[in-house]
Every structure is written in C-alpha cells, then in structure tokens.
Amino acid sequence: MTTETIHGVTVTTKANVYFDGNCVSHSLTCADGTKLSVGVIMPATLTFNTGAPEIMECVAGSCEYKLAGTDAWIQSKAGEKFNVPGNSSFEIRVTEAYHYICHFG
C-alpha cells in the first residue's frame, strides 16, 4: 500500500537539493521523533551514502537500485519499498520521476 498522506509532522521548509537538482527533498519530523524525508529524483543514475539504515518507499514512478557490495539491479515501483543498511551506499537509476519517502532507522 502506498503512503498518500503523513499526518502530525513538522516540515523543514528549506529543500534539500542534491546532485545539481536531480534530487530534491524536504525533511519531516513526526510527533514521536521519527525522521523522514519526502522527495523526488529526476532521471539520472546517482549514488547515495547512508549513515542510519533507510527504507526507501516509492510513492510514484519507479527506479532500479543496487546496494553496495551487490551486482544486481532491482526494480522498485509505486507501493514497493527497499531497505538500505546504515553506513553503506546504494546506486539508483531513474528513467521517470521517482517520488519517494525515505524512512530513517
């Protein structure tokens, strides 16, 4: 099931802009202190580094991703999630706008 609305959050209004504007997100903090970001990745192939574990939830569009230390590209589309370990990285290939929620662990 795709998340369509997130209730009870504080939003940081200044956008996080990465990779020359190919990734733009906003940071959210839930009432319980949980951290999220909501954003979009434009068509590109990018590498993200993680500090904490992350869950990437696709809310629209699709992508292919490859976790550090693996050779397989895996597709993720609307309604699907993938897990990224902390202190790691992943590559993401996007051919159409990929709208996501990043859940930080």
Foldseek 3Di string as FASTA:
>chain_A
DFDDDDPAKDKDPDWDAPDPRQKIWIWIAHPVRWIKIKIKGAADKDKDFFAFKKKKAWQAAKKWKDWPPDDDTHIDHHPDIDIHHHRTMMIIGGDHMTIIMITGD
